[in-house]
Protein backbone atom coordinates (compact mmCIF):
# COMPACT_ATOMS: atom_id res chain seq x y z
CA MET A 1 -23.20 -42.95 -55.29
CA LYS A 2 -26.77 -42.56 -56.29
CA PRO A 3 -29.10 -44.08 -53.54
CA ASP A 4 -31.01 -47.14 -54.45
CA SER A 5 -34.55 -46.21 -53.97
CA LYS A 6 -35.73 -49.82 -54.08
CA ARG A 7 -33.68 -50.57 -51.02
CA SER A 8 -34.37 -47.37 -49.08
CA LEU A 9 -35.52 -48.35 -45.51
CA ASN A 10 -36.08 -52.08 -46.31
CA ASP A 11 -32.87 -53.15 -44.47
CA LEU A 12 -33.29 -51.03 -41.43
CA SER A 13 -31.67 -52.94 -38.57
CA ALA A 14 -31.39 -50.32 -35.80
CA ARG A 15 -32.83 -51.33 -32.48
CA ALA A 16 -36.39 -50.29 -31.97
CA THR A 17 -36.64 -50.72 -28.15
CA VAL A 18 -34.28 -50.37 -25.25
CA ALA A 19 -34.68 -51.22 -21.51
CA THR A 20 -33.00 -48.79 -19.07
CA ALA A 21 -32.43 -48.73 -15.38
CA PRO A 22 -34.86 -46.75 -13.16
CA ARG A 23 -34.20 -43.03 -13.15
CA ASP A 24 -35.29 -40.21 -10.97
CA LYS A 25 -38.01 -38.10 -12.62
CA LYS A 26 -39.58 -34.73 -12.06
CA VAL A 27 -43.33 -35.17 -12.91
CA THR A 28 -44.72 -31.75 -14.03
CA ARG A 29 -48.27 -30.72 -14.61
CA GLN A 30 -47.80 -27.40 -16.51
CA LEU A 31 -51.39 -26.45 -17.38
CA ALA A 32 -51.18 -22.80 -16.62
CA THR A 33 -47.78 -21.49 -17.77
CA PRO A 34 -46.71 -20.80 -21.45
CA ALA A 35 -43.03 -21.18 -20.67
CA ALA A 36 -41.25 -24.34 -21.90
CA ARG A 37 -38.36 -23.41 -19.72
CA ASP A 38 -40.44 -23.67 -16.65
CA ALA A 39 -41.82 -26.97 -17.77
CA ILE A 40 -38.32 -28.53 -18.00
CA ALA A 41 -36.80 -26.77 -15.00
CA GLY A 42 -34.57 -29.18 -13.11
CA LEU A 43 -33.72 -31.30 -16.15
CA GLU A 44 -30.21 -32.61 -15.66
CA ASP A 45 -28.08 -35.74 -16.02
CA GLY A 46 -29.84 -38.32 -13.81
CA LEU A 47 -33.14 -36.51 -13.74
CA ASP A 48 -35.78 -36.88 -16.42
CA VAL A 49 -38.77 -34.50 -16.90
CA PHE A 50 -42.17 -35.98 -17.81
CA GLY A 51 -45.32 -33.99 -17.91
CA PHE A 52 -48.44 -32.56 -19.71
CA THR A 53 -49.39 -29.15 -21.09
CA LYS A 54 -52.63 -27.95 -22.69
CA GLY A 55 -50.56 -26.91 -25.80
CA GLN A 56 -49.30 -23.47 -24.37
CA PHE A 57 -45.98 -24.11 -26.19
CA SER A 58 -44.91 -26.15 -29.26
CA PHE A 59 -42.12 -28.57 -29.99
CA VAL A 60 -40.19 -25.58 -31.36
CA ASP A 61 -40.50 -23.74 -27.94
CA LEU A 62 -39.35 -26.91 -26.14
CA LEU A 63 -36.38 -27.24 -28.43
CA ASP A 64 -35.52 -23.68 -27.74
CA ALA A 65 -35.36 -24.41 -23.96
CA VAL A 66 -33.38 -27.58 -24.47
CA LEU A 67 -30.78 -25.89 -26.59
CA ASP A 68 -30.15 -23.51 -23.67
CA LEU A 69 -29.00 -26.64 -21.68
CA THR A 70 -27.01 -28.29 -24.41
CA GLY A 71 -25.32 -25.40 -26.03
CA PRO A 72 -24.76 -25.32 -29.82
CA ALA A 73 -26.01 -28.75 -30.99
CA ARG A 74 -26.71 -31.18 -33.86
CA VAL A 75 -30.52 -31.62 -33.91
CA THR A 76 -32.73 -34.25 -35.43
CA ILE A 77 -36.50 -33.89 -35.33
CA ALA A 78 -39.21 -36.33 -36.26
CA THR A 79 -42.71 -34.77 -36.59
CA TRP A 80 -45.99 -35.35 -38.57
CA THR A 81 -46.58 -31.75 -39.39
CA ALA A 82 -44.86 -28.30 -39.19
CA ALA A 83 -45.37 -24.78 -40.58
CA SER A 84 -42.86 -22.82 -42.51
CA ALA A 85 -42.83 -20.20 -39.71
CA ASP A 86 -41.55 -22.87 -37.30
CA ALA A 87 -38.90 -23.90 -39.82
CA ALA A 88 -37.82 -20.29 -40.02
CA PHE A 89 -37.13 -20.22 -36.35
CA LEU A 90 -34.77 -23.22 -36.80
CA GLY A 91 -33.03 -21.33 -39.62
CA GLY A 92 -32.56 -18.43 -37.41
CA TRP A 93 -30.93 -20.53 -34.74
CA CYS A 94 -28.67 -21.92 -37.30
CA ALA A 95 -27.55 -18.52 -38.37
CA GLN A 96 -26.94 -17.75 -34.62
CA GLY A 97 -24.86 -20.91 -34.30
CA ARG A 98 -27.25 -22.55 -31.85
CA ILE A 99 -28.00 -25.35 -34.33
CA ARG A 100 -24.93 -26.71 -36.15
CA GLN A 101 -26.71 -29.36 -38.10
CA PHE A 102 -30.43 -29.96 -38.54
CA ARG A 103 -32.29 -32.95 -39.84
CA LEU A 104 -36.02 -33.32 -40.30
CA LEU A 105 -37.96 -36.63 -40.63
CA VAL A 106 -41.60 -36.37 -41.80
CA ASP A 107 -44.39 -38.54 -43.09
CA TYR A 108 -44.40 -38.86 -46.82
CA SER A 109 -47.95 -37.30 -46.91
CA PHE A 110 -46.50 -34.11 -45.52
CA LEU A 111 -45.20 -33.06 -48.93
CA THR A 112 -48.78 -32.87 -50.33
CA ARG A 113 -50.46 -31.32 -47.34
CA LYS A 114 -51.18 -27.60 -46.99
CA GLY A 115 -48.06 -25.76 -46.05
CA GLY A 116 -45.95 -28.89 -46.03
CA ALA A 117 -43.87 -28.13 -49.10
CA ASP A 118 -43.25 -24.59 -47.85
CA ALA A 119 -42.01 -25.85 -44.55
CA VAL A 120 -39.69 -28.44 -46.23
CA ASP A 121 -38.39 -25.78 -48.58
CA GLU A 122 -37.55 -23.53 -45.52
CA VAL A 123 -35.63 -26.41 -43.95
CA ILE A 124 -33.69 -27.12 -47.13
CA ARG A 125 -32.99 -23.44 -47.68
CA ASN A 126 -31.28 -23.28 -44.29
CA PHE A 127 -29.77 -26.71 -43.88
CA GLY A 128 -29.23 -28.12 -47.32
CA PRO A 129 -30.89 -30.83 -49.53
CA GLY A 130 -29.78 -33.74 -47.41
CA SER A 131 -31.56 -32.36 -44.33
CA VAL A 132 -34.93 -33.98 -44.92
CA ARG A 133 -36.05 -37.60 -45.05
CA VAL A 134 -39.59 -39.06 -45.45
CA THR A 135 -41.12 -42.35 -44.42
CA ARG A 136 -44.44 -43.54 -43.07
CA THR A 137 -44.50 -42.06 -39.62
CA HIS A 138 -46.53 -40.47 -36.95
CA ALA A 139 -43.86 -40.42 -34.18
CA LYS A 140 -42.66 -37.18 -32.68
CA TRP A 141 -39.22 -37.09 -31.06
CA GLY A 142 -36.07 -35.11 -31.07
CA LEU A 143 -32.42 -35.63 -30.49
CA VAL A 144 -30.24 -32.65 -29.37
CA LEU A 145 -26.53 -33.45 -29.33
CA GLY A 146 -24.49 -30.61 -27.71
CA ALA A 147 -21.20 -30.28 -26.04
CA GLU A 148 -22.75 -29.61 -22.70
CA ALA A 149 -25.50 -32.34 -22.94
CA GLU A 150 -27.06 -34.86 -25.18
CA ILE A 151 -30.88 -34.87 -24.64
CA ALA A 152 -33.65 -37.01 -26.12
CA ILE A 153 -37.16 -35.50 -26.43
CA LEU A 154 -40.12 -37.79 -26.65
CA THR A 155 -43.49 -35.96 -27.10
CA SER A 156 -46.87 -35.89 -28.64
CA MET A 157 -46.29 -32.39 -29.98
CA ASN A 158 -45.79 -31.47 -33.62
CA LEU A 159 -43.48 -28.56 -34.50
CA ASN A 160 -46.44 -26.23 -34.93
CA LYS A 161 -48.26 -24.81 -31.86
CA ASN A 162 -51.53 -26.64 -31.34
CA PRO A 163 -53.91 -25.96 -28.32
CA ARG A 164 -54.36 -29.59 -27.42
CA PHE A 165 -53.50 -31.68 -24.48
CA GLU A 166 -49.91 -32.78 -25.06
CA TYR A 167 -47.19 -34.69 -23.22
CA LEU A 168 -43.44 -34.34 -23.05
CA HIS A 169 -40.57 -36.43 -21.79
CA CYS A 170 -37.03 -35.09 -21.80
CA THR A 171 -34.14 -37.24 -20.73
CA TRP A 172 -30.41 -37.35 -20.58
CA ASP A 173 -30.52 -41.18 -20.55
CA PRO A 174 -27.66 -42.31 -22.84
CA ALA A 175 -29.44 -45.51 -23.75
CA VAL A 176 -32.44 -43.53 -25.07
CA VAL A 177 -30.16 -41.08 -26.93
CA ALA A 178 -28.20 -43.95 -28.50
CA LEU A 179 -31.48 -45.65 -29.55
CA LEU A 180 -32.72 -42.51 -31.40
CA ALA A 181 -29.35 -41.83 -32.87
CA GLY A 182 -29.09 -45.36 -34.30
CA ILE A 183 -32.44 -45.09 -35.87
CA ALA A 184 -31.80 -41.69 -37.31
CA GLU A 185 -28.38 -42.61 -38.77
CA GLU A 186 -29.89 -45.58 -40.54
CA ILE A 187 -32.90 -43.76 -41.86
CA TRP A 188 -30.50 -41.06 -43.34
CA GLN A 189 -28.97 -43.86 -45.55
CA SER A 190 -32.27 -43.90 -47.43
CA PRO A 191 -32.89 -41.78 -50.57
CA GLU A 192 -32.75 -37.93 -50.25
CA LEU A 193 -35.87 -35.94 -50.68
CA ALA A 194 -35.38 -35.37 -54.44
CA THR A 195 -35.69 -39.09 -55.03
CA ALA A 196 -38.24 -39.85 -52.36
CA ALA A 197 -40.59 -37.00 -53.59
CA LYS A 198 -40.96 -38.78 -56.97
CA MET A 199 -42.02 -42.12 -55.37
CA ARG A 200 -45.75 -43.09 -55.27
CA PRO A 201 -47.44 -43.49 -51.85
CA GLN A 202 -47.64 -47.22 -52.39
CA GLU A 203 -43.84 -47.41 -52.83
CA HIS A 204 -43.43 -45.67 -49.50
CA LYS A 205 -45.97 -48.17 -47.89
CA ASN A 206 -43.94 -51.10 -49.29
CA ILE A 207 -40.74 -49.64 -48.04
CA PHE A 208 -42.17 -49.07 -44.61
CA GLY A 209 -43.40 -52.73 -44.55
CA GLY A 210 -39.77 -53.81 -44.73
CA LEU A 211 -38.75 -51.81 -41.62
CA GLY A 212 -37.40 -53.45 -38.50
CA PRO A 213 -36.63 -57.09 -37.74
CA ALA A 214 -38.09 -60.14 -39.53
CA ASN A 215 -40.52 -60.79 -36.65
CA ALA A 216 -42.05 -57.30 -36.81
CA GLY A 217 -45.40 -58.72 -37.88
CA PRO A 218 -47.28 -59.48 -41.04
CA PRO A 219 -47.74 -56.80 -43.76
CA ALA A 220 -50.99 -54.85 -43.98
CA PRO A 221 -53.69 -56.76 -45.83
CA ALA A 222 -54.27 -56.10 -49.51
CA ASP A 223 -57.59 -55.04 -50.88
CA ASP A 224 -59.22 -56.30 -54.07
CA THR A 225 -56.96 -54.26 -56.28
CA GLY A 226 -53.81 -55.63 -54.66
CA GLU A 227 -53.07 -52.40 -52.92
CA LEU A 228 -52.27 -52.34 -49.24
CA ALA A 229 -55.33 -51.31 -47.34
CA GLY A 230 -55.24 -48.43 -44.81
CA ILE A 231 -54.32 -45.11 -46.42
CA ALA A 232 -55.81 -43.78 -49.58
CA GLU A 233 -53.63 -43.04 -52.55
CA ASP A 234 -54.46 -39.39 -52.19
CA MET A 235 -55.10 -38.40 -48.60
CA ASP A 236 -57.98 -35.98 -48.44
CA LEU A 237 -59.10 -34.79 -44.99
CA GLY A 238 -61.95 -32.83 -46.45
CA ASP A 239 -64.17 -31.24 -43.77
CA PHE A 240 -61.92 -32.44 -41.02
CA ALA A 241 -58.92 -30.32 -42.08
CA GLU A 242 -60.10 -27.11 -40.38
CA ASP A 243 -60.94 -28.91 -37.07
CA LEU A 244 -57.50 -30.62 -36.99
CA ASP A 245 -55.73 -27.26 -36.98
CA PHE A 246 -52.68 -28.53 -38.76
CA ASN A 247 -51.15 -25.10 -39.31
CA LEU A 248 -51.96 -23.24 -36.08
């Protein structure tokens, strides 16, 4: 059945928050080592890892380390930006059997940003046309569901390496895993990329406005033209693009 692009994410009902019991945590301050494996050393059922880096490793490196713990896994990643080289790593892990299924959630603007289309093409080439969804998002998180463990990754990192102060939180907490899984499953009921890519930015904004429960808050104010204020129709970062290092 062809997805109804008018519905898309309007009816998202998955929970957006969850309260969990206190858990033991290893608090790490990895400011001198490039090894993601060192950063999450000790991660196990009942022990979370929370800490900071100065960007010595990326989300891809962190995922590599987590896959060592979970074994072959189904992976869902939400990110704001990525490079095709990072997506190629994921494809290699698919060929090796480390990733059995991969899904990527990105902001709708990613498709028009430098390198964005190439990265998405790389994911689709390795994981199929249904592997990508777009919405209005800046969240970065991961879900790694393997036979040995099911781990949630919460982080400020994008897939690409970026020498900035970043945080990471890895957890086996089943409540957090279930929360992300529920959101992901419902988002994947929305239109596939071939449909979403033809939608105007304003359509994505309107869809995003319908996310969540009825008490999620008022919609963004409209400007004089009736458009929602906030993000320009064509996002142009101009002189800031180089400084932001999107594709490092």
